[in-house]
Structures are given as structure tokens and as C-alpha cells.
Amino acid sequence: MNFEKSLLIVIALSFIGFIIGLIGKNLGNHKKKTLRSEDVYKYIISTSVIVLLLSAVLYSILYN
């Protein structure tokens, strides 16, 4: 597997993490008495957006 495919996989996984964070935050799971609090979803969303932006910029610089 070359670096381009690895970078595309990272972009896809971070996008999926962003979508999972939005869905989890909006479903109301953070109101339950479990480890899933609203802060966890905020961290998932923020880290996935940061990784998505950095990897997308790196991909556009290297392969376009």
C-alpha cells in the first residue's frame, strides 16, 4: 500500500469519525448514565475535523 492510498484511508476514517460524532451527539446518548457524555462526542468531532483538514491539505499539496 502506497502513501497515497494510506492518506485517502485516513481522510475517509476521519470523515466517518466526524459523522459518528455528529450522530452520537444528536441522538441523545449523552443523557444516559454511561461513559458516553457530550464531551466525548465533542472530542471525537474536533479531532476528526483536525485530522481531516490536515490530511486533505497534505493530499492536495502532494498529489495535485
N, C-alpha and C. Protein backbone atom coordinates (compact mmCIF):
# COMPACT_ATOMS: atom_id res chain seq x y z
N MET A 1 0.85 -1.17 0.00
CA MET A 1 0.00 0.00 0.00
C MET A 1 0.90 1.24 0.00
N ASN A 2 0.65 2.11 -0.94
CA ASN A 2 1.49 3.30 -1.01
C ASN A 2 0.93 4.42 -0.13
N PHE A 3 1.67 5.50 -0.11
CA PHE A 3 1.31 6.61 0.79
C PHE A 3 0.02 7.29 0.37
N GLU A 4 -0.25 7.34 -0.92
CA GLU A 4 -1.47 8.00 -1.39
C GLU A 4 -2.71 7.25 -0.90
N LYS A 5 -2.71 5.94 -1.00
CA LYS A 5 -3.86 5.15 -0.53
C LYS A 5 -4.00 5.24 0.99
N SER A 6 -2.88 5.28 1.68
CA SER A 6 -2.93 5.42 3.14
C SER A 6 -3.52 6.76 3.54
N LEU A 7 -3.15 7.80 2.83
CA LEU A 7 -3.68 9.13 3.12
C LEU A 7 -5.17 9.21 2.82
N LEU A 8 -5.60 8.56 1.75
CA LEU A 8 -7.03 8.53 1.43
C LEU A 8 -7.82 7.74 2.47
N ILE A 9 -7.23 6.68 3.01
CA ILE A 9 -7.89 5.92 4.07
C ILE A 9 -8.01 6.76 5.34
N VAL A 10 -6.98 7.53 5.66
CA VAL A 10 -7.04 8.42 6.83
C VAL A 10 -8.12 9.47 6.64
N ILE A 11 -8.24 10.02 5.44
CA ILE A 11 -9.29 11.00 5.16
C ILE A 11 -10.67 10.38 5.33
N ALA A 12 -10.85 9.17 4.81
CA ALA A 12 -12.14 8.51 4.93
C ALA A 12 -12.48 8.16 6.38
N LEU A 13 -11.51 7.68 7.13
CA LEU A 13 -11.77 7.33 8.53
C LEU A 13 -12.07 8.57 9.38
N SER A 14 -11.40 9.67 9.11
CA SER A 14 -11.69 10.87 9.87
C SER A 14 -13.05 11.44 9.51
N PHE A 15 -13.46 11.29 8.25
CA PHE A 15 -14.82 11.72 7.88
C PHE A 15 -15.86 10.85 8.56
N ILE A 16 -15.61 9.55 8.62
CA ILE A 16 -16.53 8.65 9.31
C ILE A 16 -16.59 8.97 10.80
N GLY A 17 -15.45 9.32 11.39
CA GLY A 17 -15.43 9.73 12.80
C GLY A 17 -16.22 11.00 13.03
N PHE A 18 -16.14 11.93 12.09
CA PHE A 18 -16.92 13.16 12.20
C PHE A 18 -18.41 12.87 12.14
N ILE A 19 -18.82 12.01 11.23
CA ILE A 19 -20.23 11.66 11.11
C ILE A 19 -20.72 10.91 12.35
N ILE A 20 -19.91 10.00 12.87
CA ILE A 20 -20.28 9.27 14.08
C ILE A 20 -20.43 10.22 15.27
N GLY A 21 -19.53 11.19 15.36
CA GLY A 21 -19.63 12.18 16.43
C GLY A 21 -20.90 13.01 16.34
N LEU A 22 -21.25 13.42 15.12
CA LEU A 22 -22.49 14.20 14.96
C LEU A 22 -23.72 13.37 15.27
N ILE A 23 -23.74 12.15 14.80
CA ILE A 23 -24.90 11.29 15.06
C ILE A 23 -25.03 10.98 16.54
N GLY A 24 -23.92 10.66 17.18
CA GLY A 24 -23.97 10.36 18.62
C GLY A 24 -24.37 11.55 19.46
N LYS A 25 -23.93 12.72 19.05
CA LYS A 25 -24.27 13.92 19.80
C LYS A 25 -25.75 14.27 19.65
N ASN A 26 -26.31 14.03 18.47
CA ASN A 26 -27.68 14.42 18.20
C ASN A 26 -28.71 13.37 18.59
N LEU A 27 -28.28 12.14 18.86
CA LEU A 27 -29.24 11.10 19.24
C LEU A 27 -29.65 11.17 20.71
N GLY A 28 -28.91 11.89 21.51
CA GLY A 28 -29.26 11.99 22.91
C GLY A 28 -28.64 10.91 23.77
N ASN A 29 -27.63 10.20 23.25
CA ASN A 29 -26.98 9.16 24.05
C ASN A 29 -26.20 9.75 25.21
N HIS A 30 -25.84 11.01 25.12
CA HIS A 30 -25.07 11.62 26.19
C HIS A 30 -25.91 11.86 27.44
N LYS A 31 -27.22 11.71 27.35
CA LYS A 31 -28.08 11.91 28.51
C LYS A 31 -28.17 10.65 29.37
N LYS A 32 -27.71 9.52 28.84
CA LYS A 32 -27.73 8.28 29.60
C LYS A 32 -26.60 8.27 30.62
N LYS A 33 -26.72 7.41 31.60
CA LYS A 33 -25.72 7.31 32.67
C LYS A 33 -24.62 6.33 32.29
N THR A 34 -23.98 6.56 31.16
CA THR A 34 -22.88 5.70 30.72
C THR A 34 -21.64 6.55 30.52
N LEU A 35 -20.62 5.95 29.93
CA LEU A 35 -19.40 6.68 29.66
C LEU A 35 -19.55 7.66 28.50
N ARG A 36 -20.63 7.57 27.78
CA ARG A 36 -20.85 8.44 26.64
C ARG A 36 -21.41 9.78 27.10
N SER A 37 -20.56 10.73 27.26
CA SER A 37 -21.02 12.06 27.61
C SER A 37 -20.89 12.96 26.39
N GLU A 38 -21.43 14.14 26.50
CA GLU A 38 -21.37 15.07 25.37
C GLU A 38 -19.94 15.51 25.08
N ASP A 39 -19.10 15.52 26.10
CA ASP A 39 -17.70 15.90 25.89
C ASP A 39 -16.96 14.90 25.02
N VAL A 40 -17.29 13.64 25.13
CA VAL A 40 -16.64 12.62 24.31
C VAL A 40 -16.94 12.88 22.84
N TYR A 41 -18.18 13.21 22.53
CA TYR A 41 -18.56 13.48 21.15
C TYR A 41 -17.91 14.77 20.64
N LYS A 42 -17.74 15.75 21.51
CA LYS A 42 -17.04 16.97 21.11
C LYS A 42 -15.59 16.68 20.77
N TYR A 43 -14.93 15.82 21.56
CA TYR A 43 -13.55 15.45 21.28
C TYR A 43 -13.43 14.64 19.99
N ILE A 44 -14.38 13.74 19.77
CA ILE A 44 -14.36 12.95 18.54
C ILE A 44 -14.52 13.85 17.32
N ILE A 45 -15.47 14.77 17.40
CA ILE A 45 -15.72 15.68 16.28
C ILE A 45 -14.51 16.57 16.03
N SER A 46 -13.96 17.14 17.09
CA SER A 46 -12.85 18.09 16.90
C SER A 46 -11.59 17.40 16.38
N THR A 47 -11.26 16.24 16.93
CA THR A 47 -10.05 15.57 16.44
C THR A 47 -10.23 15.05 15.02
N SER A 48 -11.40 14.57 14.69
CA SER A 48 -11.60 14.08 13.33
C SER A 48 -11.59 15.22 12.31
N VAL A 49 -12.10 16.39 12.69
CA VAL A 49 -12.06 17.53 11.77
C VAL A 49 -10.62 18.01 11.58
N ILE A 50 -9.85 18.04 12.64
CA ILE A 50 -8.45 18.47 12.53
C ILE A 50 -7.66 17.50 11.66
N VAL A 51 -7.83 16.20 11.90
CA VAL A 51 -7.12 15.20 11.09
C VAL A 51 -7.58 15.26 9.65
N LEU A 52 -8.88 15.45 9.43
CA LEU A 52 -9.41 15.53 8.08
C LEU A 52 -8.83 16.72 7.33
N LEU A 53 -8.79 17.87 7.95
CA LEU A 53 -8.25 19.06 7.29
C LEU A 53 -6.76 18.94 7.00
N LEU A 54 -6.01 18.45 7.97
CA LEU A 54 -4.56 18.31 7.76
C LEU A 54 -4.24 17.30 6.67
N SER A 55 -4.92 16.18 6.68
CA SER A 55 -4.64 15.18 5.67
C SER A 55 -5.15 15.61 4.29
N ALA A 56 -6.25 16.34 4.23
CA ALA A 56 -6.74 16.83 2.94
C ALA A 56 -5.79 17.87 2.35
N VAL A 57 -5.26 18.75 3.19
CA VAL A 57 -4.29 19.74 2.71
C VAL A 57 -3.01 19.05 2.27
N LEU A 58 -2.56 18.08 3.02
CA LEU A 58 -1.35 17.35 2.64
C LEU A 58 -1.57 16.60 1.33
N TYR A 59 -2.74 15.99 1.16
CA TYR A 59 -3.03 15.29 -0.08
C TYR A 59 -3.06 16.25 -1.27
N SER A 60 -3.69 17.41 -1.09
CA SER A 60 -3.78 18.35 -2.19
C SER A 60 -2.41 18.93 -2.55
N ILE A 61 -1.53 19.09 -1.59
CA ILE A 61 -0.18 19.58 -1.88
C ILE A 61 0.63 18.52 -2.61
N LEU A 62 0.55 17.29 -2.17
CA LEU A 62 1.39 16.24 -2.73
C LEU A 62 0.89 15.70 -4.07
N TYR A 63 -0.42 15.61 -4.27
CA TYR A 63 -0.93 14.87 -5.41
C TYR A 63 -1.76 15.70 -6.37
N ASN A 64 -1.78 16.99 -6.23
CA ASN A 64 -2.49 17.85 -7.20
C ASN A 64 -1.58 18.91 -7.74
